[in-house]
C-alpha cells in the first residue's frame, strides 16, 4: 500500500510539473520538450517503483536462503 502511494505521489508530481510548464502558453517546440520531460519523469517514477519491488524480492530470497542454511547447521 505504501509503495502504491509513493508511485502515485511521484506521478502526481510529474503531472503538476507538466501543467505548470504548459500554463505559460509555450511554442510548439517547447510543448514537445515539456511532453518529453513529462514522459521521462513518469518513466523514472515507474522505474523507481519496479526497482524497489525487484530488490525486495531478491533481498527476501537471499536472506531466506541464509536462514534455511543456518537452520540446517543448527
N, C-alpha and C. Protein backbone atom coordinates (compact mmCIF):
# COMPACT_ATOMS: atom_id res chain seq x y z
N UNK A 1 0.83 -1.19 0.00
CA UNK A 1 0.00 0.00 0.00
C UNK A 1 0.88 1.25 0.00
N UNK A 2 1.94 1.23 0.79
CA UNK A 2 2.84 2.38 0.88
C UNK A 2 3.54 2.62 -0.46
N UNK A 3 3.92 1.55 -1.15
CA UNK A 3 4.59 1.68 -2.44
C UNK A 3 3.67 2.30 -3.48
N UNK A 4 2.40 1.92 -3.45
CA UNK A 4 1.44 2.49 -4.39
C UNK A 4 1.26 3.98 -4.13
N UNK A 5 1.23 4.37 -2.86
CA UNK A 5 1.10 5.79 -2.52
C UNK A 5 2.32 6.57 -3.02
N UNK A 6 3.51 5.99 -2.88
CA UNK A 6 4.72 6.66 -3.34
C UNK A 6 4.71 6.82 -4.85
N UNK A 7 4.29 5.78 -5.56
CA UNK A 7 4.21 5.86 -7.03
C UNK A 7 3.19 6.91 -7.45
N UNK A 8 2.03 6.92 -6.80
CA UNK A 8 1.02 7.94 -7.12
C UNK A 8 1.53 9.34 -6.84
N UNK A 9 2.26 9.49 -5.76
CA UNK A 9 2.83 10.79 -5.40
C UNK A 9 3.83 11.26 -6.45
N UNK A 10 4.70 10.36 -6.91
CA UNK A 10 5.68 10.71 -7.93
C UNK A 10 5.02 11.04 -9.26
N UNK A 11 3.99 10.28 -9.63
CA UNK A 11 3.29 10.54 -10.88
C UNK A 11 2.52 11.87 -10.81
N UNK A 12 1.94 12.16 -9.65
CA UNK A 12 1.22 13.42 -9.48
C UNK A 12 2.18 14.60 -9.56
N UNK A 13 3.39 14.43 -9.00
CA UNK A 13 4.40 15.49 -9.07
C UNK A 13 4.79 15.77 -10.52
N UNK A 14 4.93 14.72 -11.32
CA UNK A 14 5.26 14.89 -12.74
C UNK A 14 4.13 15.60 -13.47
N UNK A 15 2.90 15.25 -13.14
CA UNK A 15 1.73 15.88 -13.77
C UNK A 15 1.66 17.37 -13.43
N UNK A 16 1.89 17.71 -12.17
CA UNK A 16 1.86 19.12 -11.75
C UNK A 16 2.97 19.92 -12.43
N UNK A 17 4.14 19.30 -12.55
CA UNK A 17 5.26 19.96 -13.21
C UNK A 17 4.92 20.26 -14.67
N UNK A 18 4.26 19.30 -15.34
CA UNK A 18 3.86 19.47 -16.74
C UNK A 18 2.81 20.57 -16.87
N UNK A 19 1.81 20.53 -15.99
CA UNK A 19 0.74 21.53 -16.06
C UNK A 19 1.27 22.94 -15.82
N UNK A 20 2.20 23.08 -14.89
CA UNK A 20 2.78 24.39 -14.61
C UNK A 20 3.55 24.91 -15.82
N UNK A 21 4.25 24.03 -16.50
CA UNK A 21 5.02 24.45 -17.67
C UNK A 21 4.10 24.81 -18.84
N UNK A 22 2.99 24.11 -18.99
CA UNK A 22 2.07 24.39 -20.09
C UNK A 22 1.19 25.61 -19.83
N UNK A 23 1.12 26.08 -18.59
CA UNK A 23 0.28 27.23 -18.26
C UNK A 23 0.79 28.53 -18.88
N UNK A 24 2.05 28.55 -19.29
CA UNK A 24 2.65 29.76 -19.86
C UNK A 24 2.39 29.92 -21.35
N UNK A 25 1.61 29.03 -21.97
CA UNK A 25 1.31 29.05 -23.41
C UNK A 25 2.59 29.06 -24.24
N UNK A 26 3.38 27.97 -24.16
CA UNK A 26 4.66 27.90 -24.86
C UNK A 26 4.49 27.62 -26.36
N UNK A 27 5.58 27.77 -27.09
CA UNK A 27 5.59 27.46 -28.52
C UNK A 27 5.53 25.94 -28.71
N UNK A 28 5.40 25.53 -29.95
CA UNK A 28 5.27 24.11 -30.25
C UNK A 28 6.51 23.33 -29.82
N UNK A 29 7.70 23.87 -30.09
CA UNK A 29 8.93 23.17 -29.71
C UNK A 29 9.04 23.04 -28.19
N UNK A 30 8.63 24.08 -27.48
CA UNK A 30 8.66 24.00 -26.01
C UNK A 30 7.64 22.99 -25.51
N UNK A 31 6.49 22.91 -26.16
CA UNK A 31 5.48 21.92 -25.77
C UNK A 31 6.00 20.50 -25.96
N UNK A 32 6.73 20.27 -27.04
CA UNK A 32 7.32 18.95 -27.28
C UNK A 32 8.34 18.63 -26.19
N UNK A 33 9.16 19.61 -25.84
CA UNK A 33 10.16 19.41 -24.79
C UNK A 33 9.49 19.13 -23.45
N UNK A 34 8.42 19.85 -23.15
CA UNK A 34 7.69 19.63 -21.90
C UNK A 34 7.10 18.22 -21.88
N UNK A 35 6.55 17.79 -23.02
CA UNK A 35 6.00 16.43 -23.10
C UNK A 35 7.06 15.37 -22.91
N UNK A 36 8.22 15.57 -23.49
CA UNK A 36 9.32 14.60 -23.33
C UNK A 36 9.80 14.55 -21.88
N UNK A 37 9.90 15.72 -21.26
CA UNK A 37 10.30 15.76 -19.85
C UNK A 37 9.27 15.06 -18.96
N UNK A 38 7.99 15.25 -19.30
CA UNK A 38 6.92 14.59 -18.54
C UNK A 38 7.02 13.08 -18.66
N UNK A 39 7.24 12.59 -19.87
CA UNK A 39 7.38 11.14 -20.07
C UNK A 39 8.61 10.61 -19.33
N UNK A 40 9.68 11.40 -19.32
CA UNK A 40 10.89 10.99 -18.60
C UNK A 40 10.60 10.88 -17.11
N UNK A 41 9.89 11.88 -16.55
CA UNK A 41 9.55 11.84 -15.12
C UNK A 41 8.65 10.67 -14.80
N UNK A 42 7.68 10.39 -15.69
CA UNK A 42 6.82 9.23 -15.49
C UNK A 42 7.63 7.93 -15.50
N UNK A 43 8.52 7.82 -16.47
CA UNK A 43 9.34 6.61 -16.58
C UNK A 43 10.22 6.40 -15.38
N UNK A 44 10.80 7.48 -14.87
CA UNK A 44 11.65 7.38 -13.69
C UNK A 44 10.84 6.95 -12.47
N UNK A 45 9.63 7.47 -12.33
CA UNK A 45 8.78 7.10 -11.20
C UNK A 45 8.42 5.62 -11.25
N UNK A 46 8.06 5.14 -12.43
CA UNK A 46 7.70 3.72 -12.58
C UNK A 46 8.93 2.84 -12.39
N UNK A 47 10.06 3.27 -12.94
CA UNK A 47 11.30 2.50 -12.79
C UNK A 47 11.72 2.41 -11.33
N UNK A 48 11.57 3.50 -10.62
CA UNK A 48 11.91 3.51 -9.19
C UNK A 48 11.02 2.53 -8.43
N UNK A 49 9.73 2.50 -8.77
CA UNK A 49 8.80 1.58 -8.12
C UNK A 49 9.15 0.13 -8.45
N UNK A 50 9.42 -0.16 -9.71
CA UNK A 50 9.76 -1.53 -10.13
C UNK A 50 11.07 -2.00 -9.50
N UNK A 51 12.05 -1.10 -9.40
CA UNK A 51 13.33 -1.50 -8.83
C UNK A 51 13.20 -1.81 -7.35
N UNK A 52 12.35 -1.06 -6.65
CA UNK A 52 12.13 -1.35 -5.23
C UNK A 52 11.51 -2.73 -5.05
N UNK A 53 10.54 -3.07 -5.91
CA UNK A 53 9.90 -4.39 -5.83
C UNK A 53 10.91 -5.49 -6.12
N UNK A 54 11.73 -5.29 -7.15
CA UNK A 54 12.71 -6.29 -7.54
C UNK A 54 13.75 -6.50 -6.45
N UNK A 55 14.23 -5.40 -5.87
CA UNK A 55 15.23 -5.50 -4.82
C UNK A 55 14.67 -6.20 -3.58
N UNK A 56 13.42 -5.90 -3.24
CA UNK A 56 12.85 -6.54 -2.06
C UNK A 56 12.67 -8.04 -2.28
N UNK A 57 12.31 -8.45 -3.51
CA UNK A 57 12.19 -9.87 -3.81
C UNK A 57 13.54 -10.56 -3.70
N UNK A 58 14.57 -9.95 -4.27
CA UNK A 58 15.91 -10.53 -4.20
C UNK A 58 16.43 -10.59 -2.78
N UNK A 59 16.16 -9.55 -2.02
CA UNK A 59 16.60 -9.50 -0.64
C UNK A 59 15.94 -10.61 0.17
N UNK A 60 14.65 -10.81 -0.03
CA UNK A 60 13.94 -11.87 0.68
C UNK A 60 14.46 -13.24 0.30
N UNK A 61 14.80 -13.41 -0.97
CA UNK A 61 15.32 -14.69 -1.43
C UNK A 61 16.66 -14.99 -0.79
N UNK A 62 17.56 -14.01 -0.79
CA UNK A 62 18.90 -14.22 -0.24
C UNK A 62 18.84 -14.46 1.25
N UNK A 63 18.14 -13.60 1.97
CA UNK A 63 18.09 -13.76 3.42
C UNK A 63 17.30 -15.00 3.81
N UNK A 64 16.31 -15.37 3.02
CA UNK A 64 15.56 -16.60 3.29
C UNK A 64 16.44 -17.82 3.14
N UNK A 65 17.30 -17.85 2.13
CA UNK A 65 18.20 -18.99 1.93
C UNK A 65 19.24 -19.05 3.03
N UNK A 66 19.74 -17.92 3.48
CA UNK A 66 20.72 -17.91 4.56
C UNK A 66 20.08 -18.45 5.83
N UNK A 67 18.84 -18.05 6.12
CA UNK A 67 18.16 -18.57 7.30
C UNK A 67 17.96 -20.08 7.23
N UNK A 68 17.65 -20.60 6.03
CA UNK A 68 17.48 -22.04 5.87
C UNK A 68 18.79 -22.76 6.13
N UNK A 69 19.91 -22.20 5.63
CA UNK A 69 21.20 -22.81 5.88
C UNK A 69 21.56 -22.82 7.36
N UNK A 70 21.25 -21.74 8.06
CA UNK A 70 21.51 -21.68 9.49
C UNK A 70 20.69 -22.74 10.22
N UNK A 71 19.45 -22.93 9.81
CA UNK A 71 18.60 -23.92 10.46
C UNK A 71 19.13 -25.34 10.20
N UNK A 72 19.65 -25.61 9.01
CA UNK A 72 20.20 -26.95 8.72
C UNK A 72 21.45 -27.20 9.54
N UNK A 73 22.28 -26.19 9.74
CA UNK A 73 23.51 -26.34 10.50
C UNK A 73 23.19 -26.58 11.98
N UNK A 74 22.21 -25.85 12.48
CA UNK A 74 21.82 -25.99 13.90
C UNK A 74 21.13 -27.32 14.07
